[in-house]
Amino acid sequence: MLVVMANQRTDTKGATVKVTLVRSPIGFERNQLAVVRGLGLRRIRHTVELKDTPATRGMIHKVRHLVEVTE
């Protein structure tokens, strides 16, 4: 029997965050394009709903000048 215990730091209890790409990553560093793609954003005004985890928050912080976040 496999028992999975939730980590307090990473367990978000279903909390999500909506991220919208509002600016093109063209002209910025290549790793920022990789972060935008890693978030699942494909084109301007494309919105994705992601789990609100520390890793996701870190990615959003890295490209905060390109995206808009709604809780």
PDB file of N, CA and C in Angstrom:
ATOM      1  N   MET A   1       0.843  -1.176   0.000  1.00  0.00           N
ATOM      2  CA  MET A   1       0.000   0.000   0.000  1.00  0.00           C
ATOM      3  C   MET A   1       0.891   1.243   0.000  1.00  0.00           C
ATOM      4  N   LEU A   2       0.607   2.161  -0.899  1.00  0.00           N
ATOM      5  CA  LEU A   2       1.386   3.384  -1.031  1.00  0.00           C
ATOM      6  C   LEU A   2       0.648   4.526  -0.337  1.00  0.00           C
ATOM      7  N   VAL A   3       1.310   5.163   0.607  1.00  0.00           N
ATOM      8  CA  VAL A   3       0.722   6.286   1.321  1.00  0.00           C
ATOM      9  C   VAL A   3       1.512   7.539   0.943  1.00  0.00           C
ATOM     10  N   VAL A   4       0.807   8.526   0.421  1.00  0.00           N
ATOM     11  CA  VAL A   4       1.449   9.776   0.016  1.00  0.00           C
ATOM     12  C   VAL A   4       1.076  10.851   1.018  1.00  0.00           C
ATOM     13  N   MET A   5       2.080  11.407   1.662  1.00  0.00           N
ATOM     14  CA  MET A   5       1.840  12.469   2.628  1.00  0.00           C
ATOM     15  C   MET A   5       2.085  13.799   1.937  1.00  0.00           C
ATOM     16  N   ALA A   6       1.207  14.742   2.144  1.00  0.00           N
ATOM     17  CA  ALA A   6       1.349  16.058   1.534  1.00  0.00           C
ATOM     18  C   ALA A   6       2.365  16.886   2.306  1.00  0.00           C
ATOM     19  N   ASN A   7       3.221  17.550   1.580  1.00  0.00           N
ATOM     20  CA  ASN A   7       4.187  18.448   2.174  1.00  0.00           C
ATOM     21  C   ASN A   7       3.488  19.784   2.425  1.00  0.00           C
ATOM     22  N   GLN A   8       3.641  20.357   3.596  1.00  0.00           N
ATOM     23  CA  GLN A   8       2.960  21.619   3.907  1.00  0.00           C
ATOM     24  C   GLN A   8       3.363  22.734   2.968  1.00  0.00           C
ATOM     25  N   ARG A   9       4.628  22.731   2.551  1.00  0.00           N
ATOM     26  CA  ARG A   9       5.114  23.815   1.705  1.00  0.00           C
ATOM     27  C   ARG A   9       4.598  23.701   0.276  1.00  0.00           C
ATOM     28  N   THR A  10       4.412  22.489  -0.231  1.00  0.00           N
ATOM     29  CA  THR A  10       4.035  22.323  -1.624  1.00  0.00           C
ATOM     30  C   THR A  10       2.571  21.960  -1.807  1.00  0.00           C
ATOM     31  N   ASP A  11       1.886  21.582  -0.739  1.00  0.00           N
ATOM     32  CA  ASP A  11       0.471  21.246  -0.860  1.00  0.00           C
ATOM     33  C   ASP A  11      -0.335  22.534  -0.939  1.00  0.00           C
ATOM     34  N   THR A  12      -0.997  22.776  -2.071  1.00  0.00           N
ATOM     35  CA  THR A  12      -1.707  24.035  -2.272  1.00  0.00           C
ATOM     36  C   THR A  12      -3.211  23.891  -2.105  1.00  0.00           C
ATOM     37  N   LYS A  13      -3.657  22.679  -1.833  1.00  0.00           N
ATOM     38  CA  LYS A  13      -5.081  22.427  -1.595  1.00  0.00           C
ATOM     39  C   LYS A  13      -5.947  22.966  -2.735  1.00  0.00           C
ATOM     40  N   GLY A  14      -5.499  22.780  -3.962  1.00  0.00           N
ATOM     41  CA  GLY A  14      -6.311  23.156  -5.115  1.00  0.00           C
ATOM     42  C   GLY A  14      -6.195  24.599  -5.537  1.00  0.00           C
ATOM     43  N   ALA A  15      -5.347  25.397  -4.910  1.00  0.00           N
ATOM     44  CA  ALA A  15      -5.202  26.798  -5.285  1.00  0.00           C
ATOM     45  C   ALA A  15      -4.564  26.889  -6.672  1.00  0.00           C
ATOM     46  N   THR A  16      -5.092  27.789  -7.486  1.00  0.00           N
ATOM     47  CA  THR A  16      -4.551  27.977  -8.827  1.00  0.00           C
ATOM     48  C   THR A  16      -4.308  29.452  -9.081  1.00  0.00           C
ATOM     49  N   VAL A  17      -3.561  29.723 -10.126  1.00  0.00           N
ATOM     50  CA  VAL A  17      -3.264  31.089 -10.525  1.00  0.00           C
ATOM     51  C   VAL A  17      -3.382  31.137 -12.049  1.00  0.00           C
ATOM     52  N   LYS A  18      -3.977  32.204 -12.572  1.00  0.00           N
ATOM     53  CA  LYS A  18      -4.117  32.372 -14.019  1.00  0.00           C
ATOM     54  C   LYS A  18      -3.024  33.314 -14.507  1.00  0.00           C
ATOM     55  N   VAL A  19      -2.319  32.886 -15.542  1.00  0.00           N
ATOM     56  CA  VAL A  19      -1.212  33.657 -16.095  1.00  0.00           C
ATOM     57  C   VAL A  19      -1.511  33.944 -17.556  1.00  0.00           C
ATOM     58  N   THR A  20      -1.393  35.216 -17.953  1.00  0.00           N
ATOM     59  CA  THR A  20      -1.642  35.633 -19.327  1.00  0.00           C
ATOM     60  C   THR A  20      -0.386  36.292 -19.879  1.00  0.00           C
ATOM     61  N   LEU A  21       0.009  35.890 -21.079  1.00  0.00           N
ATOM     62  CA  LEU A  21       1.147  36.517 -21.748  1.00  0.00           C
ATOM     63  C   LEU A  21       0.665  37.818 -22.384  1.00  0.00           C
ATOM     64  N   VAL A  22       1.227  38.947 -21.958  1.00  0.00           N
ATOM     65  CA  VAL A  22       0.783  40.245 -22.465  1.00  0.00           C
ATOM     66  C   VAL A  22       1.842  40.933 -23.322  1.00  0.00           C
ATOM     67  N   ARG A  23       3.076  40.402 -23.285  1.00  0.00           N
ATOM     68  CA  ARG A  23       4.160  40.987 -24.069  1.00  0.00           C
ATOM     69  C   ARG A  23       5.007  39.888 -24.682  1.00  0.00           C
ATOM     70  N   SER A  24       5.516  40.123 -25.865  1.00  0.00           N
ATOM     71  CA  SER A  24       6.308  39.128 -26.561  1.00  0.00           C
ATOM     72  C   SER A  24       7.683  38.977 -25.908  1.00  0.00           C
ATOM     73  N   PRO A  25       8.160  37.727 -25.799  1.00  0.00           N
ATOM     74  CA  PRO A  25       9.505  37.521 -25.258  1.00  0.00           C
ATOM     75  C   PRO A  25      10.610  37.780 -26.283  1.00  0.00           C
ATOM     76  N   ILE A  26      10.254  38.144 -27.500  1.00  0.00           N
ATOM     77  CA  ILE A  26      11.261  38.455 -28.518  1.00  0.00           C
ATOM     78  C   ILE A  26      12.035  39.693 -28.065  1.00  0.00           C
ATOM     79  N   GLY A  27      13.341  39.634 -28.160  1.00  0.00           N
ATOM     80  CA  GLY A  27      14.194  40.743 -27.758  1.00  0.00           C
ATOM     81  C   GLY A  27      14.699  40.633 -26.332  1.00  0.00           C
ATOM     82  N   PHE A  28      14.194  39.653 -25.591  1.00  0.00           N
ATOM     83  CA  PHE A  28      14.676  39.403 -24.244  1.00  0.00           C
ATOM     84  C   PHE A  28      15.579  38.183 -24.279  1.00  0.00           C
ATOM     85  N   GLU A  29      16.201  37.871 -23.167  1.00  0.00           N
ATOM     86  CA  GLU A  29      17.124  36.744 -23.142  1.00  0.00           C
ATOM     87  C   GLU A  29      16.409  35.433 -23.457  1.00  0.00           C
ATOM     88  N   ARG A  30      17.152  34.517 -24.044  1.00  0.00           N
ATOM     89  CA  ARG A  30      16.586  33.242 -24.512  1.00  0.00           C
ATOM     90  C   ARG A  30      15.993  32.427 -23.365  1.00  0.00           C
ATOM     91  N   ASN A  31      16.597  32.513 -22.176  1.00  0.00           N
ATOM     92  CA  ASN A  31      16.069  31.722 -21.061  1.00  0.00           C
ATOM     93  C   ASN A  31      14.686  32.209 -20.631  1.00  0.00           C
ATOM     94  N   GLN A  32      14.365  33.462 -20.885  1.00  0.00           N
ATOM     95  CA  GLN A  32      13.026  33.968 -20.559  1.00  0.00           C
ATOM     96  C   GLN A  32      11.987  33.383 -21.512  1.00  0.00           C
ATOM     97  N   LEU A  33      12.356  33.180 -22.775  1.00  0.00           N
ATOM     98  CA  LEU A  33      11.466  32.496 -23.711  1.00  0.00           C
ATOM     99  C   LEU A  33      11.215  31.073 -23.227  1.00  0.00           C
ATOM    100  N   ALA A  34      12.252  30.419 -22.720  1.00  0.00           N
ATOM    101  CA  ALA A  34      12.106  29.058 -22.213  1.00  0.00           C
ATOM    102  C   ALA A  34      11.158  29.013 -21.016  1.00  0.00           C
ATOM    103  N   VAL A  35      11.223  30.015 -20.160  1.00  0.00           N
ATOM    104  CA  VAL A  35      10.331  30.069 -18.998  1.00  0.00           C
ATOM    105  C   VAL A  35       8.884  30.279 -19.452  1.00  0.00           C
ATOM    106  N   VAL A  36       8.686  31.168 -20.419  1.00  0.00           N
ATOM    107  CA  VAL A  36       7.331  31.414 -20.944  1.00  0.00           C
ATOM    108  C   VAL A  36       6.767  30.123 -21.522  1.00  0.00           C
ATOM    109  N   ARG A  37       7.567  29.407 -22.292  1.00  0.00           N
ATOM    110  CA  ARG A  37       7.122  28.128 -22.865  1.00  0.00           C
ATOM    111  C   ARG A  37       6.884  27.100 -21.756  1.00  0.00           C
ATOM    112  N   GLY A  38       7.723  27.116 -20.733  1.00  0.00           N
ATOM    113  CA  GLY A  38       7.561  26.199 -19.613  1.00  0.00           C
ATOM    114  C   GLY A  38       6.277  26.435 -18.841  1.00  0.00           C
ATOM    115  N   LEU A  39       5.824  27.677 -18.825  1.00  0.00           N
ATOM    116  CA  LEU A  39       4.545  27.992 -18.187  1.00  0.00           C
ATOM    117  C   LEU A  39       3.365  27.534 -19.045  1.00  0.00           C
ATOM    118  N   GLY A  40       3.641  27.196 -20.308  1.00  0.00           N
ATOM    119  CA  GLY A  40       2.574  26.738 -21.199  1.00  0.00           C
ATOM    120  C   GLY A  40       1.985  27.841 -22.046  1.00  0.00           C
ATOM    121  N   LEU A  41       2.613  29.000 -22.046  1.00  0.00           N
ATOM    122  CA  LEU A  41       2.099  30.132 -22.822  1.00  0.00           C
ATOM    123  C   LEU A  41       2.650  30.069 -24.240  1.00  0.00           C
ATOM    124  N   ARG A  42       1.771  30.207 -25.223  1.00  0.00           N
ATOM    125  CA  ARG A  42       2.176  30.039 -26.615  1.00  0.00           C
ATOM    126  C   ARG A  42       2.127  31.327 -27.425  1.00  0.00           C
ATOM    127  N   ARG A  43       1.202  32.200 -27.123  1.00  0.00           N
ATOM    128  CA  ARG A  43       1.054  33.427 -27.912  1.00  0.00           C
ATOM    129  C   ARG A  43       0.551  34.545 -27.006  1.00  0.00           C
ATOM    130  N   ILE A  44       0.595  35.765 -27.489  1.00  0.00           N
ATOM    131  CA  ILE A  44       0.126  36.912 -26.722  1.00  0.00           C
ATOM    132  C   ILE A  44      -1.376  36.765 -26.473  1.00  0.00           C
ATOM    133  N   ARG A  45      -1.799  37.134 -25.266  1.00  0.00           N
ATOM    134  CA  ARG A  45      -3.168  37.017 -24.762  1.00  0.00           C
ATOM    135  C   ARG A  45      -3.607  35.569 -24.534  1.00  0.00           C
ATOM    136  N   HIS A  46      -2.652  34.639 -24.514  1.00  0.00           N
ATOM    137  CA  HIS A  46      -2.958  33.246 -24.179  1.00  0.00           C
ATOM    138  C   HIS A  46      -2.918  33.124 -22.660  1.00  0.00           C
ATOM    139  N   THR A  47      -3.950  32.536 -22.076  1.00  0.00           N
ATOM    140  CA  THR A  47      -4.054  32.391 -20.627  1.00  0.00           C
ATOM    141  C   THR A  47      -4.025  30.917 -20.252  1.00  0.00           C
ATOM    142  N   VAL A  48      -3.266  30.595 -19.223  1.00  0.00           N
ATOM    143  CA  VAL A  48      -3.231  29.240 -18.685  1.00  0.00           C
ATOM    144  C   VAL A  48      -3.504  29.310 -17.189  1.00  0.00           C
ATOM    145  N   GLU A  49      -4.080  28.238 -16.668  1.00  0.00           N
ATOM    146  CA  GLU A  49      -4.342  28.145 -15.234  1.00  0.00           C
ATOM    147  C   GLU A  49      -3.382  27.110 -14.665  1.00  0.00           C
ATOM    148  N   LEU A  50      -2.555  27.543 -13.721  1.00  0.00           N
ATOM    149  CA  LEU A  50      -1.512  26.690 -13.169  1.00  0.00           C
ATOM    150  C   LEU A  50      -1.709  26.520 -11.675  1.00  0.00           C
ATOM    151  N   LYS A  51      -1.170  25.422 -11.145  1.00  0.00           N
ATOM    152  CA  LYS A  51      -1.176  25.206  -9.706  1.00  0.00           C
ATOM    153  C   LYS A  51      -0.280  26.225  -9.041  1.00  0.00           C
ATOM    154  N   ASP A  52      -0.726  26.775  -7.950  1.00  0.00           N
ATOM    155  CA  ASP A  52       0.022  27.819  -7.243  1.00  0.00           C
ATOM    156  C   ASP A  52       1.055  27.177  -6.328  1.00  0.00           C
ATOM    157  N   THR A  53       2.243  26.921  -6.884  1.00  0.00           N
ATOM    158  CA  THR A  53       3.336  26.316  -6.120  1.00  0.00           C
ATOM    159  C   THR A  53       4.511  27.280  -6.086  1.00  0.00           C
ATOM    160  N   PRO A  54       5.457  27.066  -5.199  1.00  0.00           N
ATOM    161  CA  PRO A  54       6.641  27.925  -5.169  1.00  0.00           C
ATOM    162  C   PRO A  54       7.414  27.903  -6.493  1.00  0.00           C
ATOM    163  N   ALA A  55       7.457  26.767  -7.163  1.00  0.00           N
ATOM    164  CA  ALA A  55       8.165  26.675  -8.444  1.00  0.00           C
ATOM    165  C   ALA A  55       7.472  27.535  -9.497  1.00  0.00           C
ATOM    166  N   THR A  56       6.153  27.476  -9.543  1.00  0.00           N
ATOM    167  CA  THR A  56       5.397  28.284 -10.499  1.00  0.00           C
ATOM    168  C   THR A  56       5.568  29.759 -10.192  1.00  0.00           C
ATOM    169  N   ARG A  57       5.524  30.109  -8.922  1.00  0.00           N
ATOM    170  CA  ARG A  57       5.714  31.510  -8.525  1.00  0.00           C
ATOM    171  C   ARG A  57       7.095  32.022  -8.933  1.00  0.00           C
ATOM    172  N   GLY A  58       8.106  31.179  -8.825  1.00  0.00           N
ATOM    173  CA  GLY A  58       9.449  31.564  -9.229  1.00  0.00           C
ATOM    174  C   GLY A  58       9.553  31.805 -10.721  1.00  0.00           C
ATOM    175  N   MET A  59       8.882  30.968 -11.499  1.00  0.00           N
ATOM    176  CA  MET A  59       8.879  31.154 -12.957  1.00  0.00           C
ATOM    177  C   MET A  59       8.165  32.447 -13.326  1.00  0.00           C
ATOM    178  N   ILE A  60       7.037  32.706 -12.682  1.00  0.00           N
ATOM    179  CA  ILE A  60       6.285  33.933 -12.950  1.00  0.00           C
ATOM    180  C   ILE A  60       7.134  35.146 -12.591  1.00  0.00           C
ATOM    181  N   HIS A  61       7.856  35.064 -11.489  1.00  0.00           N
ATOM    182  CA  HIS A  61       8.701  36.183 -11.058  1.00  0.00           C
ATOM    183  C   HIS A  61       9.794  36.478 -12.086  1.00  0.00           C
ATOM    184  N   LYS A  62      10.313  35.448 -12.707  1.00  0.00           N
ATOM    185  CA  LYS A  62      11.392  35.619 -13.685  1.00  0.00           C
ATOM    186  C   LYS A  62      10.917  36.368 -14.936  1.00  0.00           C
ATOM    187  N   VAL A  63       9.643  36.200 -15.307  1.00  0.00           N
ATOM    188  CA  VAL A  63       9.118  36.859 -16.518  1.00  0.00           C
ATOM    189  C   VAL A  63       7.962  37.794 -16.169  1.00  0.00           C
ATOM    190  N   ARG A  64       8.029  38.417 -14.991  1.00  0.00           N
ATOM    191  CA  ARG A  64       6.927  39.251 -14.510  1.00  0.00           C
ATOM    192  C   ARG A  64       6.668  40.456 -15.406  1.00  0.00           C
ATOM    193  N   HIS A  65       7.645  40.881 -16.206  1.00  0.00           N
ATOM    194  CA  HIS A  65       7.470  42.000 -17.109  1.00  0.00           C
ATOM    195  C   HIS A  65       6.771  41.588 -18.400  1.00  0.00           C
ATOM    196  N   LEU A  66       6.551  40.281 -18.603  1.00  0.00           N
ATOM    197  CA  LEU A  66       5.909  39.787 -19.824  1.00  0.00           C
ATOM    198  C   LEU A  66       4.510  39.242 -19.576  1.00  0.00           C
ATOM    199  N   VAL A  67       4.169  38.981 -18.332  1.00  0.00           N
ATOM    200  CA  VAL A  67       2.902  38.313 -18.033  1.00  0.00           C
ATOM    201  C   VAL A  67       2.046  39.145 -17.071  1.00  0.00           C
ATOM    202  N   GLU A  68       0.790  38.762 -17.026  1.00  0.00           N
ATOM    203  CA  GLU A  68      -0.166  39.350 -16.076  1.00  0.00           C
ATOM    204  C   GLU A  68      -0.756  38.186 -15.287  1.00  0.00           C
ATOM    205  N   VAL A  69      -0.861  38.359 -13.975  1.00  0.00           N
ATOM    206  CA  VAL A  69      -1.299  37.276 -13.094  1.00  0.00           C
ATOM    207  C   VAL A  69      -2.594  37.659 -12.411  1.00  0.00           C
ATOM    208  N   THR A  70      -3.557  36.725 -12.418  1.00  0.00           N
ATOM    209  CA  THR A  70      -4.794  36.901 -11.647  1.00  0.00           C
ATOM    210  C   THR A  70      -4.959  35.681 -10.759  1.00  0.00           C
ATOM    211  N   GLU A  71      -5.411  35.898  -9.572  1.00  0.00           N
ATOM    212  CA  GLU A  71      -5.538  34.811  -8.609  1.00  0.00           C
ATOM    213  C   GLU A  71      -6.826  34.048  -8.829  1.00  0.00           C
TER     214      GLU A  71
END
